[in-house]
PDB file of N, CA and C in Angstrom:
ATOM      1  N   VAL A   1      -8.415  13.276   9.208  1.00  0.00           N
ATOM      2  CA  VAL A   1      -7.812  12.080   9.846  1.00  0.00           C
ATOM      3  C   VAL A   1      -7.832  11.983  11.508  1.00  0.00           C
ATOM      4  N   MET A   2      -7.625  13.427  11.831  1.00  0.00           N
ATOM      5  CA  MET A   2      -7.745  13.562  13.285  1.00  0.00           C
ATOM      6  C   MET A   2      -9.030  13.405  13.991  1.00  0.00           C
ATOM      7  N   GLY A   3      -9.980  13.402  12.998  1.00  0.00           N
ATOM      8  CA  GLY A   3     -11.367  12.842  13.655  1.00  0.00           C
ATOM      9  C   GLY A   3     -11.803  11.799  14.018  1.00  0.00           C
ATOM     10  N   ALA A   4     -10.843  10.679  13.344  1.00  0.00           N
ATOM     11  CA  ALA A   4     -11.126   9.313  13.096  1.00  0.00           C
ATOM     12  C   ALA A   4      -9.945   8.598  14.051  1.00  0.00           C
ATOM     13  N   LEU A   5      -9.161   9.226  14.766  1.00  0.00           N
ATOM     14  CA  LEU A   5      -7.902   8.894  15.614  1.00  0.00           C
ATOM     15  C   LEU A   5      -8.604   8.302  16.947  1.00  0.00           C
ATOM     16  N   PRO A   6      -9.531   9.133  17.357  1.00  0.00           N
ATOM     17  CA  PRO A   6     -10.253   8.281  18.738  1.00  0.00           C
ATOM     18  C   PRO A   6     -10.679   6.913  18.430  1.00  0.00           C
ATOM     19  N   ILE A   7     -11.211   6.818  17.374  1.00  0.00           N
ATOM     20  CA  ILE A   7     -11.651   5.428  17.104  1.00  0.00           C
ATOM     21  C   ILE A   7     -10.454   4.446  16.889  1.00  0.00           C
ATOM     22  N   ALA A   8      -9.467   4.977  16.084  1.00  0.00           N
ATOM     23  CA  ALA A   8      -8.324   4.253  15.796  1.00  0.00           C
ATOM     24  C   ALA A   8      -7.502   3.856  17.058  1.00  0.00           C
ATOM     25  N   LEU A   9      -7.524   4.786  18.125  1.00  0.00           N
ATOM     26  CA  LEU A   9      -6.879   4.764  19.070  1.00  0.00           C
ATOM     27  C   LEU A   9      -7.523   3.632  20.372  1.00  0.00           C
ATOM     28  N   GLY A  10      -8.825   3.693  19.839  1.00  0.00           N
ATOM     29  CA  GLY A  10      -9.781   2.775  20.912  1.00  0.00           C
ATOM     30  C   GLY A  10      -9.894   3.151  22.260  1.00  0.00           C
ATOM     31  N   LEU A  11     -10.403   4.566  22.362  1.00  0.00           N
ATOM     32  CA  LEU A  11     -10.639   5.216  23.565  1.00  0.00           C
ATOM     33  C   LEU A  11     -12.299   4.920  23.822  1.00  0.00           C
ATOM     34  N   GLY A  12     -12.493   4.655  25.232  1.00  0.00           N
ATOM     35  CA  GLY A  12     -13.923   4.724  25.294  1.00  0.00           C
ATOM     36  C   GLY A  12     -14.414   3.131  25.449  1.00  0.00           C
ATOM     37  N   ALA A  13     -15.798   3.241  25.791  1.00  0.00           N
ATOM     38  CA  ALA A  13     -16.153   1.839  25.937  1.00  0.00           C
ATOM     39  C   ALA A  13     -16.475   1.176  24.608  1.00  0.00           C
ATOM     40  N   GLY A  14     -16.288  -0.202  24.640  1.00  0.00           N
ATOM     41  CA  GLY A  14     -16.609  -0.907  23.272  1.00  0.00           C
ATOM     42  C   GLY A  14     -15.697  -0.530  22.309  1.00  0.00           C
ATOM     43  N   SER A  15     -14.579   0.035  22.743  1.00  0.00           N
ATOM     44  CA  SER A  15     -13.594   0.348  21.678  1.00  0.00           C
ATOM     45  C   SER A  15     -12.882  -0.708  20.974  1.00  0.00           C
ATOM     46  N   LEU A  16     -13.081  -1.984  21.536  1.00  0.00           N
ATOM     47  CA  LEU A  16     -12.309  -2.852  20.690  1.00  0.00           C
ATOM     48  C   LEU A  16     -12.844  -3.374  19.489  1.00  0.00           C
ATOM     49  N   SER A  17     -14.346  -3.053  19.423  1.00  0.00           N
ATOM     50  CA  SER A  17     -15.020  -3.357  18.266  1.00  0.00           C
ATOM     51  C   SER A  17     -14.801  -2.344  17.377  1.00  0.00           C
ATOM     52  N   ARG A  18     -14.703  -1.285  17.891  1.00  0.00           N
ATOM     53  CA  ARG A  18     -14.509  -0.167  16.701  1.00  0.00           C
ATOM     54  C   ARG A  18     -12.936   0.108  16.165  1.00  0.00           C
ATOM     55  N   ARG A  19     -12.147  -0.316  16.772  1.00  0.00           N
ATOM     56  CA  ARG A  19     -10.795  -0.208  16.683  1.00  0.00           C
ATOM     57  C   ARG A  19     -10.225  -0.681  15.016  1.00  0.00           C
ATOM     58  N   PRO A  20     -10.573  -1.780  14.506  1.00  0.00           N
ATOM     59  CA  PRO A  20      -9.966  -2.381  13.135  1.00  0.00           C
ATOM     60  C   PRO A  20     -11.080  -1.103  12.063  1.00  0.00           C
ATOM     61  N   LEU A  21     -12.154  -0.477  12.255  1.00  0.00           N
ATOM     62  CA  LEU A  21     -12.802   0.098  11.563  1.00  0.00           C
ATOM     63  C   LEU A  21     -11.897   1.621  11.568  1.00  0.00           C
ATOM     64  N   GLY A  22     -11.578   2.093  12.700  1.00  0.00           N
ATOM     65  CA  GLY A  22     -10.694   3.268  12.906  1.00  0.00           C
ATOM     66  C   GLY A  22      -9.352   3.250  11.957  1.00  0.00           C
ATOM     67  N   TYR A  23      -8.960   1.987  12.004  1.00  0.00           N
ATOM     68  CA  TYR A  23      -7.134   1.484  11.457  1.00  0.00           C
ATOM     69  C   TYR A  23      -7.540   1.771   9.792  1.00  0.00           C
ATOM     70  N   ALA A  24      -8.877   1.174   9.267  1.00  0.00           N
ATOM     71  CA  ALA A  24      -9.227   1.244   8.054  1.00  0.00           C
ATOM     72  C   ALA A  24      -9.542   2.715   7.803  1.00  0.00           C
ATOM     73  N   ILE A  25     -10.140   3.809   8.344  1.00  0.00           N
ATOM     74  CA  ILE A  25     -10.505   4.643   7.972  1.00  0.00           C
ATOM     75  C   ILE A  25      -9.239   5.619   7.958  1.00  0.00           C
ATOM     76  N   VAL A  26      -8.465   5.718   9.001  1.00  0.00           N
ATOM     77  CA  VAL A  26      -7.303   6.431   8.887  1.00  0.00           C
ATOM     78  C   VAL A  26      -6.323   6.090   7.873  1.00  0.00           C
ATOM     79  N   GLY A  27      -5.849   4.546   7.871  1.00  0.00           N
ATOM     80  CA  GLY A  27      -4.964   4.173   6.801  1.00  0.00           C
ATOM     81  C   GLY A  27      -5.590   4.477   5.248  1.00  0.00           C
ATOM     82  N   GLY A  28      -6.715   4.287   5.092  1.00  0.00           N
ATOM     83  CA  GLY A  28      -7.599   4.872   4.024  1.00  0.00           C
ATOM     84  C   GLY A  28      -7.275   6.445   3.387  1.00  0.00           C
ATOM     85  N   LEU A  29      -7.481   7.197   4.306  1.00  0.00           N
ATOM     86  CA  LEU A  29      -7.388   8.401   4.286  1.00  0.00           C
ATOM     87  C   LEU A  29      -5.692   9.212   4.054  1.00  0.00           C
ATOM     88  N   LEU A  30      -4.927   8.381   4.713  1.00  0.00           N
ATOM     89  CA  LEU A  30      -3.497   8.432   4.573  1.00  0.00           C
ATOM     90  C   LEU A  30      -3.070   8.112   3.195  1.00  0.00           C
ATOM     91  N   PHE A  31      -3.486   6.959   2.808  1.00  0.00           N
ATOM     92  CA  PHE A  31      -3.056   6.409   1.554  1.00  0.00           C
ATOM     93  C   PHE A  31      -3.697   7.259   0.411  1.00  0.00           C
ATOM     94  N   SER A  32      -5.071   7.856   0.393  1.00  0.00           N
ATOM     95  CA  SER A  32      -5.589   8.502  -0.621  1.00  0.00           C
ATOM     96  C   SER A  32      -4.780  10.017  -0.692  1.00  0.00           C
ATOM     97  N   THR A  33      -4.477  10.404   0.480  1.00  0.00           N
ATOM     98  CA  THR A  33      -3.660  11.803   0.401  1.00  0.00           C
ATOM     99  C   THR A  33      -2.156  11.600  -0.110  1.00  0.00           C
ATOM    100  N   LEU A  34      -1.591  10.719   0.184  1.00  0.00           N
ATOM    101  CA  LEU A  34      -0.245  10.444  -0.824  1.00  0.00           C
ATOM    102  C   LEU A  34      -0.533   9.990  -2.208  1.00  0.00           C
ATOM    103  N   LEU A  35      -1.298   9.380  -2.459  1.00  0.00           N
ATOM    104  CA  LEU A  35      -1.637   9.072  -3.876  1.00  0.00           C
ATOM    105  C   LEU A  35      -1.851  10.124  -4.729  1.00  0.00           C
ATOM    106  N   THR A  36      -2.866  11.202  -4.073  1.00  0.00           N
ATOM    107  CA  THR A  36      -3.286  12.289  -4.790  1.00  0.00           C
ATOM    108  C   THR A  36      -2.074  13.211  -4.806  1.00  0.00           C
ATOM    109  N   LEU A  37      -0.936  13.418  -3.705  1.00  0.00           N
ATOM    110  CA  LEU A  37      -0.040  14.223  -3.837  1.00  0.00           C
ATOM    111  C   LEU A  37       1.100  13.964  -4.606  1.00  0.00           C
ATOM    112  N   TYR A  38       1.338  12.588  -4.706  1.00  0.00           N
ATOM    113  CA  TYR A  38       2.439  12.037  -5.447  1.00  0.00           C
ATOM    114  C   TYR A  38       2.333  11.619  -6.956  1.00  0.00           C
ATOM    115  N   VAL A  39       1.107  10.545  -6.998  1.00  0.00           N
ATOM    116  CA  VAL A  39       0.929   9.895  -8.341  1.00  0.00           C
ATOM    117  C   VAL A  39       0.155  10.395  -9.319  1.00  0.00           C
ATOM    118  N   VAL A  40      -0.697  11.360  -8.825  1.00  0.00           N
ATOM    119  CA  VAL A  40      -1.537  11.804  -9.957  1.00  0.00           C
ATOM    120  C   VAL A  40      -0.637  13.166 -10.656  1.00  0.00           C
ATOM    121  N   PRO A  41       0.217  13.763  -9.899  1.00  0.00           N
ATOM    122  CA  PRO A  41       1.012  14.738 -10.596  1.00  0.00           C
ATOM    123  C   PRO A  41       1.951  14.061 -11.634  1.00  0.00           C
ATOM    124  N   ALA A  42       2.289  12.830 -10.872  1.00  0.00           N
ATOM    125  CA  ALA A  42       3.304  12.140 -11.883  1.00  0.00           C
ATOM    126  C   ALA A  42       2.916  11.795 -13.154  1.00  0.00           C
ATOM    127  N   VAL A  43       1.545  11.165 -13.066  1.00  0.00           N
ATOM    128  CA  VAL A  43       0.696  10.798 -14.398  1.00  0.00           C
ATOM    129  C   VAL A  43       0.422  11.915 -15.236  1.00  0.00           C
ATOM    130  N   TYR A  44       0.288  13.082 -14.689  1.00  0.00           N
ATOM    131  CA  TYR A  44      -0.021  14.242 -15.776  1.00  0.00           C
ATOM    132  C   TYR A  44       1.370  14.622 -16.401  1.00  0.00           C
ATOM    133  N   VAL A  45       2.582  14.458 -15.513  1.00  0.00           N
ATOM    134  CA  VAL A  45       3.846  14.720 -16.229  1.00  0.00           C
ATOM    135  C   VAL A  45       4.298  13.642 -17.458  1.00  0.00           C
ATOM    136  N   ILE A  46       3.919  12.364 -17.183  1.00  0.00           N
ATOM    137  CA  ILE A  46       3.948  11.142 -18.266  1.00  0.00           C
ATOM    138  C   ILE A  46       3.113  11.644 -19.307  1.00  0.00           C
ATOM    139  N   PHE A  47       1.800  11.925 -19.063  1.00  0.00           N
ATOM    140  CA  PHE A  47       1.101  12.270 -20.360  1.00  0.00           C
ATOM    141  C   PHE A  47       1.562  13.376 -21.106  1.00  0.00           C
ATOM    142  N   ASP A  48       2.022  14.615 -20.385  1.00  0.00           N
ATOM    143  CA  ASP A  48       2.374  15.584 -20.833  1.00  0.00           C
ATOM    144  C   ASP A  48       3.506  15.540 -21.842  1.00  0.00           C
ATOM    145  N   GLY A  49       4.436  14.430 -21.613  1.00  0.00           N
ATOM    146  CA  GLY A  49       5.764  14.237 -22.295  1.00  0.00           C
ATOM    147  C   GLY A  49       5.244  13.327 -23.531  1.00  0.00           C
ATOM    148  N   LEU A  50       4.361  12.422 -23.441  1.00  0.00           N
ATOM    149  CA  LEU A  50       3.723  11.469 -24.502  1.00  0.00           C
ATOM    150  C   LEU A  50       3.230  12.440 -25.277  1.00  0.00           C
ATOM    151  N   THR A  51       2.586  13.488 -25.181  1.00  0.00           N
ATOM    152  CA  THR A  51       1.559  14.603 -25.780  1.00  0.00           C
ATOM    153  C   THR A  51       2.668  15.262 -26.797  1.00  0.00           C
ATOM    154  N   ALA A  52       3.612  15.741 -25.870  1.00  0.00           N
ATOM    155  CA  ALA A  52       4.760  16.397 -26.686  1.00  0.00           C
ATOM    156  C   ALA A  52       5.429  15.509 -27.849  1.00  0.00           C
ATOM    157  N   GLY A  53       5.870  14.538 -27.511  1.00  0.00           N
ATOM    158  CA  GLY A  53       6.337  13.770 -28.368  1.00  0.00           C
ATOM    159  C   GLY A  53       5.471  13.389 -29.351  1.00  0.00           C
ATOM    160  N   PHE A  54       4.104  13.197 -29.455  1.00  0.00           N
ATOM    161  CA  PHE A  54       3.345  13.057 -30.538  1.00  0.00           C
ATOM    162  C   PHE A  54       3.321  14.350 -31.362  1.00  0.00           C
ATOM    163  N   ARG A  55       3.265  15.557 -30.567  1.00  0.00           N
ATOM    164  CA  ARG A  55       3.436  16.799 -31.689  1.00  0.00           C
ATOM    165  C   ARG A  55       4.488  16.779 -32.441  1.00  0.00           C
ATOM    166  N   GLN A  56       5.464  16.604 -31.912  1.00  0.00           N
ATOM    167  CA  GLN A  56       6.930  16.609 -32.608  1.00  0.00           C
ATOM    168  C   GLN A  56       6.852  15.868 -33.773  1.00  0.00           C
ATOM    169  N   ARG A  57       6.406  14.789 -33.817  1.00  0.00           N
ATOM    170  CA  ARG A  57       6.218  13.512 -34.637  1.00  0.00           C
ATOM    171  C   ARG A  57       5.386  14.175 -35.910  1.00  0.00           C
ATOM    172  N   LYS A  58       4.151  14.690 -35.938  1.00  0.00           N
ATOM    173  CA  LYS A  58       3.180  14.874 -36.812  1.00  0.00           C
ATOM    174  C   LYS A  58       3.501  16.344 -37.354  1.00  0.00           C
ATOM    175  N   PRO A  59       3.592  16.414 -38.665  1.00  0.00           N
ATOM    176  CA  PRO A  59       4.226  17.200 -39.492  1.00  0.00           C
ATOM    177  C   PRO A  59       3.059  18.270 -39.664  1.00  0.00           C
ATOM    178  N   ALA A  60       3.253  19.467 -39.731  1.00  0.00           N
ATOM    179  CA  ALA A  60       2.352  20.679 -39.544  1.00  0.00           C
ATOM    180  C   ALA A  60       1.454  20.479 -41.151  1.00  0.00           C
ATOM    181  N   ALA A  61       0.189  20.683 -40.701  1.00  0.00           N
ATOM    182  CA  ALA A  61      -0.553  20.779 -42.251  1.00  0.00           C
ATOM    183  C   ALA A  61      -0.286  21.784 -42.983  1.00  0.00           C
ATOM    184  N   ARG A  62       0.183  21.518 -44.159  1.00  0.00           N
ATOM    185  CA  ARG A  62       0.317  22.507 -45.249  1.00  0.00           C
ATOM    186  C   ARG A  62      -0.971  23.056 -46.173  1.00  0.00           C
ATOM    187  N   SER A  63      -0.988  24.438 -46.261  1.00  0.00           N
ATOM    188  CA  SER A  63      -2.002  24.797 -46.894  1.00  0.00           C
ATOM    189  C   SER A  63      -1.567  24.549 -48.475  1.00  0.00           C
ATOM    190  N   THR A  64      -2.881  23.980 -49.315  1.00  0.00           N
ATOM    191  CA  THR A  64      -2.650  23.908 -50.568  1.00  0.00           C
ATOM    192  C   THR A  64      -2.804  24.987 -51.595  1.00  0.00           C
ATOM    193  N   LEU A  65      -3.225  26.328 -50.990  1.00  0.00           N
ATOM    194  CA  LEU A  65      -3.254  27.260 -51.385  1.00  0.00           C
ATOM    195  C   LEU A  65      -2.107  28.165 -51.523  1.00  0.00           C
ATOM    196  N   THR A  66      -1.584  28.905 -52.591  1.00  0.00           N
ATOM    197  CA  THR A  66      -0.871  29.872 -52.546  1.00  0.00           C
ATOM    198  C   THR A  66      -1.251  30.980 -52.129  1.00  0.00           C
ATOM    199  N   PRO A  67      -0.337  32.059 -51.802  1.00  0.00           N
ATOM    200  CA  PRO A  67      -0.710  33.378 -50.966  1.00  0.00           C
ATOM    201  C   PRO A  67      -1.521  34.164 -51.730  1.00  0.00           C
ATOM    202  N   ALA A  68      -1.346  34.233 -53.178  1.00  0.00           N
ATOM    203  CA  ALA A  68      -2.410  34.948 -53.907  1.00  0.00           C
ATOM    204  C   ALA A  68      -3.537  34.401 -54.135  1.00  0.00           C
ATOM    205  N   GLU A  69      -3.848  33.017 -54.010  1.00  0.00           N
ATOM    206  CA  GLU A  69      -5.040  32.421 -54.222  1.00  0.00           C
ATOM    207  C   GLU A  69      -5.881  32.517 -52.854  1.00  0.00           C
ATOM    208  N   ALA A  70      -4.995  32.702 -51.632  1.00  0.00           N
ATOM    209  CA  ALA A  70      -5.773  32.769 -50.368  1.00  0.00           C
ATOM    210  C   ALA A  70      -6.501  34.018 -50.259  1.00  0.00           C
ATOM    211  N   GLU A  71      -6.244  35.260 -50.767  1.00  0.00           N
ATOM    212  CA  GLU A  71      -6.861  36.528 -50.568  1.00  0.00           C
ATOM    213  C   GLU A  71      -8.125  36.458 -51.477  1.00  0.00           C
TER     214      GLU A  71
END
């Protein structure tokens, strides 16, 4: 992000033509960072809750063998 700040701030000759590119780079980096830090862990928590719910509903598989036959 810091490397793209000179482009976004428009420092130097011909900076007016590069300023929109700098805004897009800095904005995209900040948005993707926030997305990674907040949304991705939230999705993991949601899916973990869903799989836990499915595990509770599914009955455990019972063995058809009696203990004497299993040996």
